[in-house]
N, C-alpha and C. Protein backbone atom coordinates (compact mmCIF):
# COMPACT_ATOMS: atom_id res chain seq x y z
N UNK A 1 32.93 39.31 19.67
CA UNK A 1 33.16 39.51 21.07
C UNK A 1 34.05 38.38 21.58
N UNK A 2 35.03 38.72 22.37
CA UNK A 2 35.96 37.74 22.90
C UNK A 2 35.30 36.87 23.96
N UNK A 3 35.83 35.67 24.12
CA UNK A 3 35.31 34.76 25.14
C UNK A 3 35.73 35.25 26.52
N UNK A 4 34.95 34.95 27.56
CA UNK A 4 35.35 35.34 28.91
C UNK A 4 36.51 34.47 29.38
N UNK A 5 37.28 35.01 30.31
CA UNK A 5 38.39 34.26 30.88
C UNK A 5 37.86 33.07 31.68
N UNK A 6 38.63 32.01 31.75
CA UNK A 6 38.21 30.83 32.50
C UNK A 6 38.17 31.14 33.99
N UNK A 7 37.37 30.38 34.72
CA UNK A 7 37.26 30.56 36.16
C UNK A 7 38.59 30.27 36.83
N UNK A 8 39.33 29.30 36.31
CA UNK A 8 40.64 28.95 36.87
C UNK A 8 41.60 30.15 36.78
N UNK A 9 41.64 30.80 35.63
CA UNK A 9 42.52 31.97 35.47
C UNK A 9 42.09 33.09 36.41
N UNK A 10 40.79 33.31 36.51
CA UNK A 10 40.29 34.36 37.39
C UNK A 10 40.69 34.09 38.84
N UNK A 11 40.58 32.82 39.27
CA UNK A 11 40.96 32.46 40.64
C UNK A 11 42.45 32.72 40.88
N UNK A 12 43.29 32.39 39.89
CA UNK A 12 44.73 32.60 40.06
C UNK A 12 45.07 34.08 40.17
N UNK A 13 44.38 34.93 39.41
CA UNK A 13 44.62 36.37 39.49
C UNK A 13 44.22 36.88 40.86
N UNK A 14 43.03 36.46 41.35
CA UNK A 14 42.57 36.90 42.67
C UNK A 14 43.52 36.42 43.75
N UNK A 15 43.98 35.17 43.66
CA UNK A 15 44.93 34.66 44.65
C UNK A 15 46.23 35.46 44.65
N UNK A 16 46.69 35.87 43.46
CA UNK A 16 47.91 36.68 43.38
C UNK A 16 47.71 38.02 44.09
N UNK A 17 46.53 38.63 43.89
CA UNK A 17 46.25 39.92 44.55
C UNK A 17 46.16 39.71 46.07
N UNK A 18 45.50 38.64 46.49
CA UNK A 18 45.39 38.36 47.93
C UNK A 18 46.75 38.07 48.56
N UNK A 19 47.70 37.55 47.74
CA UNK A 19 49.04 37.24 48.25
C UNK A 19 49.92 38.48 48.32
N UNK A 20 49.41 39.62 47.86
CA UNK A 20 50.17 40.85 48.01
C UNK A 20 50.52 41.57 46.72
N UNK A 21 50.28 40.97 45.58
CA UNK A 21 50.56 41.66 44.32
C UNK A 21 49.52 42.75 44.09
N UNK A 22 49.92 43.79 43.40
CA UNK A 22 48.95 44.82 43.07
C UNK A 22 48.04 44.29 41.97
N UNK A 23 46.88 44.92 41.85
CA UNK A 23 45.96 44.48 40.78
C UNK A 23 46.61 44.63 39.42
N UNK A 24 47.30 45.72 39.23
CA UNK A 24 47.96 45.96 37.94
C UNK A 24 49.04 44.91 37.69
N UNK A 25 49.83 44.58 38.71
CA UNK A 25 50.90 43.59 38.56
C UNK A 25 50.31 42.20 38.27
N UNK A 26 49.23 41.84 38.97
CA UNK A 26 48.60 40.54 38.73
C UNK A 26 48.02 40.49 37.32
N UNK A 27 47.42 41.58 36.90
CA UNK A 27 46.87 41.64 35.54
C UNK A 27 47.95 41.51 34.49
N UNK A 28 49.08 42.19 34.71
CA UNK A 28 50.21 42.10 33.77
C UNK A 28 50.78 40.69 33.76
N UNK A 29 50.91 40.09 34.92
CA UNK A 29 51.50 38.75 35.02
C UNK A 29 50.67 37.70 34.28
N UNK A 30 49.35 37.79 34.38
CA UNK A 30 48.49 36.79 33.75
C UNK A 30 47.90 37.25 32.41
N UNK A 31 48.23 38.44 32.01
CA UNK A 31 47.77 38.93 30.71
C UNK A 31 46.29 39.28 30.67
N UNK A 32 45.77 39.77 31.80
CA UNK A 32 44.36 40.17 31.87
C UNK A 32 44.28 41.58 32.42
N UNK A 33 43.09 42.16 32.34
CA UNK A 33 42.91 43.52 32.86
C UNK A 33 42.78 43.48 34.38
N UNK A 34 42.66 44.63 34.96
CA UNK A 34 42.56 44.73 36.42
C UNK A 34 41.32 43.99 36.94
N UNK A 35 41.33 43.69 38.19
CA UNK A 35 40.25 42.92 38.80
C UNK A 35 39.34 43.85 39.63
N UNK A 36 38.86 44.89 39.00
CA UNK A 36 38.04 45.89 39.70
C UNK A 36 36.73 45.30 40.20
N UNK A 37 36.09 44.48 39.42
CA UNK A 37 34.80 43.92 39.83
C UNK A 37 34.95 43.05 41.07
N UNK A 38 36.05 42.33 41.15
CA UNK A 38 36.30 41.50 42.33
C UNK A 38 36.43 42.38 43.57
N UNK A 39 37.17 43.47 43.45
CA UNK A 39 37.35 44.38 44.58
C UNK A 39 36.01 45.01 44.98
N UNK A 40 35.19 45.36 43.99
CA UNK A 40 33.93 46.06 44.28
C UNK A 40 32.85 45.12 44.80
N UNK A 41 32.76 43.91 44.25
CA UNK A 41 31.64 43.04 44.59
C UNK A 41 32.04 41.74 45.27
N UNK A 42 33.30 41.38 45.20
CA UNK A 42 33.74 40.10 45.75
C UNK A 42 33.53 38.93 44.80
N UNK A 43 33.00 39.21 43.62
CA UNK A 43 32.76 38.16 42.62
C UNK A 43 33.81 38.24 41.53
N UNK A 44 34.23 37.09 41.06
CA UNK A 44 35.18 37.11 39.95
C UNK A 44 34.76 36.20 38.81
N UNK A 45 33.63 35.53 38.93
CA UNK A 45 33.13 34.69 37.84
C UNK A 45 32.69 35.59 36.68
N UNK A 46 32.71 35.05 35.50
CA UNK A 46 32.31 35.82 34.31
C UNK A 46 30.83 36.18 34.41
N UNK A 47 30.49 37.34 33.92
CA UNK A 47 29.10 37.76 33.87
C UNK A 47 28.39 36.98 32.77
N UNK A 48 27.10 36.85 32.90
CA UNK A 48 26.30 36.21 31.87
C UNK A 48 26.38 37.03 30.59
N UNK A 49 26.52 36.34 29.46
CA UNK A 49 26.66 37.04 28.19
C UNK A 49 25.44 36.82 27.33
N UNK A 50 25.13 37.83 26.52
CA UNK A 50 24.08 37.71 25.51
C UNK A 50 22.70 37.59 26.10
N UNK A 51 21.76 37.47 25.18
CA UNK A 51 20.38 37.28 25.59
C UNK A 51 19.74 38.54 26.10
N UNK A 52 18.46 38.47 26.27
CA UNK A 52 17.72 39.58 26.83
C UNK A 52 16.47 39.02 27.50
N UNK A 53 15.84 39.82 28.26
CA UNK A 53 14.62 39.40 28.94
C UNK A 53 13.43 40.01 28.21
N UNK A 54 12.53 39.17 27.76
CA UNK A 54 11.34 39.64 27.07
C UNK A 54 10.34 40.18 28.06
N UNK A 55 9.72 41.32 27.76
CA UNK A 55 8.67 41.83 28.64
C UNK A 55 7.46 40.90 28.69
N UNK A 56 7.34 40.01 27.71
CA UNK A 56 6.21 39.07 27.70
C UNK A 56 6.35 37.98 28.76
N UNK A 57 7.57 37.75 29.25
CA UNK A 57 7.79 36.68 30.22
C UNK A 57 7.01 36.91 31.52
N UNK A 58 6.81 38.17 31.91
CA UNK A 58 6.06 38.41 33.14
C UNK A 58 4.57 38.14 32.95
N UNK A 59 4.13 37.95 31.70
CA UNK A 59 2.74 37.62 31.40
C UNK A 59 2.60 36.19 30.88
N UNK A 60 3.62 35.37 31.11
CA UNK A 60 3.68 34.02 30.53
C UNK A 60 2.48 33.17 30.92
N UNK A 61 2.10 33.16 32.17
CA UNK A 61 0.99 32.31 32.62
C UNK A 61 -0.30 32.69 31.90
N UNK A 62 -0.55 33.99 31.75
CA UNK A 62 -1.76 34.46 31.07
C UNK A 62 -1.71 34.08 29.60
N UNK A 63 -0.57 34.30 28.95
CA UNK A 63 -0.46 34.00 27.52
C UNK A 63 -0.63 32.51 27.25
N UNK A 64 -0.02 31.68 28.05
CA UNK A 64 -0.12 30.24 27.83
C UNK A 64 -1.53 29.74 28.11
N UNK A 65 -2.24 30.35 29.05
CA UNK A 65 -3.63 29.99 29.29
C UNK A 65 -4.50 30.40 28.10
N UNK A 66 -4.23 31.57 27.53
CA UNK A 66 -4.98 32.03 26.36
C UNK A 66 -4.74 31.14 25.16
N UNK A 67 -3.51 30.62 25.03
CA UNK A 67 -3.21 29.71 23.91
C UNK A 67 -4.08 28.46 24.03
N UNK A 68 -4.26 27.96 25.24
CA UNK A 68 -5.08 26.77 25.44
C UNK A 68 -6.54 27.05 25.07
N UNK A 69 -7.01 28.27 25.33
CA UNK A 69 -8.39 28.64 25.01
C UNK A 69 -8.59 28.92 23.53
N UNK A 70 -7.63 29.62 22.92
CA UNK A 70 -7.76 30.05 21.53
C UNK A 70 -6.50 29.68 20.75
N UNK A 71 -6.36 28.43 20.37
CA UNK A 71 -5.11 28.00 19.75
C UNK A 71 -4.93 28.43 18.29
N UNK A 72 -5.98 28.95 17.65
CA UNK A 72 -5.89 29.26 16.23
C UNK A 72 -5.63 30.72 15.90
N UNK A 73 -5.28 31.55 16.86
CA UNK A 73 -5.04 32.97 16.58
C UNK A 73 -3.75 33.16 15.79
N UNK A 74 -3.77 34.15 14.91
CA UNK A 74 -2.56 34.50 14.17
C UNK A 74 -1.70 35.43 15.03
N UNK A 75 -0.48 35.67 14.59
CA UNK A 75 0.39 36.58 15.35
C UNK A 75 -0.19 37.98 15.41
N UNK A 76 -0.80 38.44 14.32
CA UNK A 76 -1.42 39.76 14.32
C UNK A 76 -2.60 39.81 15.30
N UNK A 77 -3.36 38.75 15.37
CA UNK A 77 -4.47 38.70 16.32
C UNK A 77 -3.95 38.68 17.76
N UNK A 78 -2.83 38.00 17.98
CA UNK A 78 -2.22 38.00 19.31
C UNK A 78 -1.80 39.42 19.69
N UNK A 79 -1.18 40.12 18.74
CA UNK A 79 -0.73 41.50 19.04
C UNK A 79 -1.92 42.39 19.37
N UNK A 80 -3.02 42.24 18.63
CA UNK A 80 -4.22 43.04 18.90
C UNK A 80 -4.79 42.72 20.28
N UNK A 81 -4.84 41.43 20.62
CA UNK A 81 -5.35 41.02 21.93
C UNK A 81 -4.47 41.57 23.05
N UNK A 82 -3.16 41.53 22.85
CA UNK A 82 -2.25 42.04 23.88
C UNK A 82 -2.36 43.56 24.00
N UNK A 83 -2.56 44.26 22.89
CA UNK A 83 -2.76 45.71 22.95
C UNK A 83 -4.00 46.05 23.76
N UNK A 84 -5.08 45.24 23.61
CA UNK A 84 -6.30 45.47 24.40
C UNK A 84 -6.01 45.33 25.89
N UNK A 85 -5.05 44.50 26.23
CA UNK A 85 -4.66 44.30 27.63
C UNK A 85 -3.53 45.26 28.03
N UNK A 86 -3.23 46.23 27.16
CA UNK A 86 -2.20 47.24 27.38
C UNK A 86 -0.80 46.65 27.51
N UNK A 87 -0.55 45.60 26.73
CA UNK A 87 0.78 45.01 26.64
C UNK A 87 1.29 45.31 25.24
N UNK A 88 2.25 46.21 25.13
CA UNK A 88 2.76 46.62 23.84
C UNK A 88 3.84 45.64 23.39
N UNK A 89 3.69 45.10 22.19
CA UNK A 89 4.64 44.11 21.68
C UNK A 89 4.61 44.11 20.17
N UNK A 90 5.37 43.21 19.58
CA UNK A 90 5.41 43.08 18.12
C UNK A 90 5.18 41.63 17.74
N UNK A 91 4.94 41.40 16.45
CA UNK A 91 4.74 40.03 15.97
C UNK A 91 5.97 39.17 16.26
N UNK A 92 7.15 39.74 16.06
CA UNK A 92 8.39 38.98 16.27
C UNK A 92 8.53 38.59 17.73
N UNK A 93 8.22 39.50 18.63
CA UNK A 93 8.32 39.20 20.06
C UNK A 93 7.36 38.09 20.46
N UNK A 94 6.15 38.14 19.90
CA UNK A 94 5.16 37.10 20.20
C UNK A 94 5.66 35.76 19.66
N UNK A 95 6.15 35.77 18.43
CA UNK A 95 6.66 34.53 17.83
C UNK A 95 7.81 33.96 18.66
N UNK A 96 8.75 34.81 19.08
CA UNK A 96 9.88 34.33 19.89
C UNK A 96 9.42 33.79 21.24
N UNK A 97 8.42 34.44 21.84
CA UNK A 97 7.88 33.96 23.11
C UNK A 97 7.32 32.55 22.93
N UNK A 98 6.50 32.35 21.90
CA UNK A 98 5.91 31.04 21.66
C UNK A 98 6.99 30.02 21.31
N UNK A 99 8.00 30.42 20.60
CA UNK A 99 9.09 29.50 20.26
C UNK A 99 9.84 29.06 21.51
N UNK A 100 10.11 29.99 22.43
CA UNK A 100 10.79 29.65 23.69
C UNK A 100 9.96 28.68 24.53
N UNK A 101 8.64 28.83 24.46
CA UNK A 101 7.76 28.00 25.27
C UNK A 101 7.22 26.80 24.50
N UNK A 102 7.83 26.51 23.36
CA UNK A 102 7.50 25.32 22.56
C UNK A 102 6.03 25.27 22.16
N UNK A 103 5.46 26.44 21.84
CA UNK A 103 4.09 26.50 21.35
C UNK A 103 4.18 26.62 19.83
N UNK A 104 3.58 25.66 19.13
CA UNK A 104 3.61 25.72 17.67
C UNK A 104 2.22 25.47 17.14
N UNK A 105 2.02 25.86 15.91
CA UNK A 105 0.72 25.69 15.28
C UNK A 105 0.86 24.67 14.17
N UNK A 106 0.13 23.60 14.28
CA UNK A 106 0.15 22.55 13.27
C UNK A 106 -1.12 22.67 12.44
N UNK A 107 -0.96 22.47 11.16
CA UNK A 107 -2.12 22.51 10.29
C UNK A 107 -2.97 21.27 10.56
N UNK A 108 -4.28 21.46 10.56
CA UNK A 108 -5.17 20.33 10.72
C UNK A 108 -6.07 20.24 9.48
N UNK A 109 -6.80 19.16 9.28
CA UNK A 109 -7.60 18.99 8.07
C UNK A 109 -8.59 20.12 7.84
N UNK A 110 -9.12 20.72 8.89
CA UNK A 110 -10.09 21.80 8.71
C UNK A 110 -9.46 23.02 8.07
N UNK A 111 -8.16 23.20 8.19
CA UNK A 111 -7.48 24.37 7.63
C UNK A 111 -6.98 24.15 6.21
N UNK A 112 -6.90 22.91 5.76
CA UNK A 112 -6.31 22.65 4.45
C UNK A 112 -7.26 23.07 3.34
N UNK A 113 -6.68 23.54 2.25
CA UNK A 113 -7.46 23.94 1.09
C UNK A 113 -7.89 22.71 0.31
N UNK A 114 -8.82 22.92 -0.59
CA UNK A 114 -9.25 21.81 -1.45
C UNK A 114 -8.06 21.37 -2.29
N UNK A 115 -7.94 20.07 -2.46
CA UNK A 115 -6.81 19.53 -3.22
C UNK A 115 -7.00 19.76 -4.71
N UNK A 116 -5.93 20.01 -5.39
CA UNK A 116 -5.97 20.15 -6.84
C UNK A 116 -5.69 18.79 -7.46
N UNK A 117 -5.99 18.66 -8.72
CA UNK A 117 -5.75 17.39 -9.41
C UNK A 117 -4.26 17.06 -9.40
N UNK A 118 -3.43 18.07 -9.52
CA UNK A 118 -1.99 17.85 -9.54
C UNK A 118 -1.51 17.26 -8.22
N UNK A 119 -2.08 17.71 -7.12
CA UNK A 119 -1.66 17.23 -5.81
C UNK A 119 -2.25 15.87 -5.46
N UNK A 120 -3.38 15.53 -6.04
CA UNK A 120 -4.02 14.28 -5.65
C UNK A 120 -3.60 13.10 -6.53
N UNK A 121 -2.72 13.30 -7.45
CA UNK A 121 -2.23 12.19 -8.27
C UNK A 121 -2.90 12.09 -9.63
N UNK A 122 -3.69 13.07 -10.02
CA UNK A 122 -4.29 13.06 -11.35
C UNK A 122 -5.69 12.46 -11.34
N UNK A 123 -6.31 12.45 -12.50
CA UNK A 123 -7.67 11.91 -12.59
C UNK A 123 -7.62 10.40 -12.73
N UNK A 124 -8.70 9.76 -12.31
CA UNK A 124 -8.79 8.31 -12.40
C UNK A 124 -10.06 7.95 -13.15
N UNK A 125 -10.03 6.83 -13.78
CA UNK A 125 -11.23 6.37 -14.48
C UNK A 125 -12.07 5.55 -13.53
N UNK A 126 -13.31 5.32 -13.90
CA UNK A 126 -14.20 4.53 -13.05
C UNK A 126 -13.77 3.09 -12.93
N UNK A 127 -13.24 2.52 -14.04
CA UNK A 127 -12.86 1.11 -14.03
C UNK A 127 -11.48 0.91 -13.43
N UNK A 128 -10.76 1.94 -13.17
CA UNK A 128 -9.43 1.82 -12.59
C UNK A 128 -8.34 1.61 -13.63
N UNK A 129 -8.69 1.60 -14.90
CA UNK A 129 -7.70 1.41 -15.96
C UNK A 129 -7.11 2.74 -16.37
N UNK A 130 -6.32 2.77 -17.45
CA UNK A 130 -5.72 4.02 -17.90
C UNK A 130 -6.80 5.00 -18.34
N UNK A 131 -6.55 6.28 -18.15
CA UNK A 131 -7.50 7.31 -18.51
C UNK A 131 -7.67 7.41 -20.02
N UNK A 132 -6.62 7.17 -20.78
CA UNK A 132 -6.66 7.26 -22.23
C UNK A 132 -6.16 5.94 -22.81
N UNK A 133 -7.06 5.16 -23.51
CA UNK A 133 -6.62 3.88 -24.05
C UNK A 133 -5.65 3.99 -25.19
């Protein structure tokens, strides 16, 4: 997708039209298309590009309060809870919502599995010397 025209260029095109040039002539002179939106709305700034509005944003206060109450829910559990509240969503939407709001899940000691010998540095002898003389 091409970049939007600069505000300076847009202003010059509008000024040319206000000075008496036709929209087509001003567009040809500056190498841009007609200025229909300016005529219709009075605005000539570029429209916002990209992005979308998540339906979860209108429930943000409720979701963030629930995170404080139940911080250990999985994405699937979040989707089930939201379905109970008649909010239809997906795991990806929930993840993106939490990412936008800087909510992350950090592992804590209660969640870690038992360590294996390989991860703990191997076996040790009682005297602290080599395991095999």
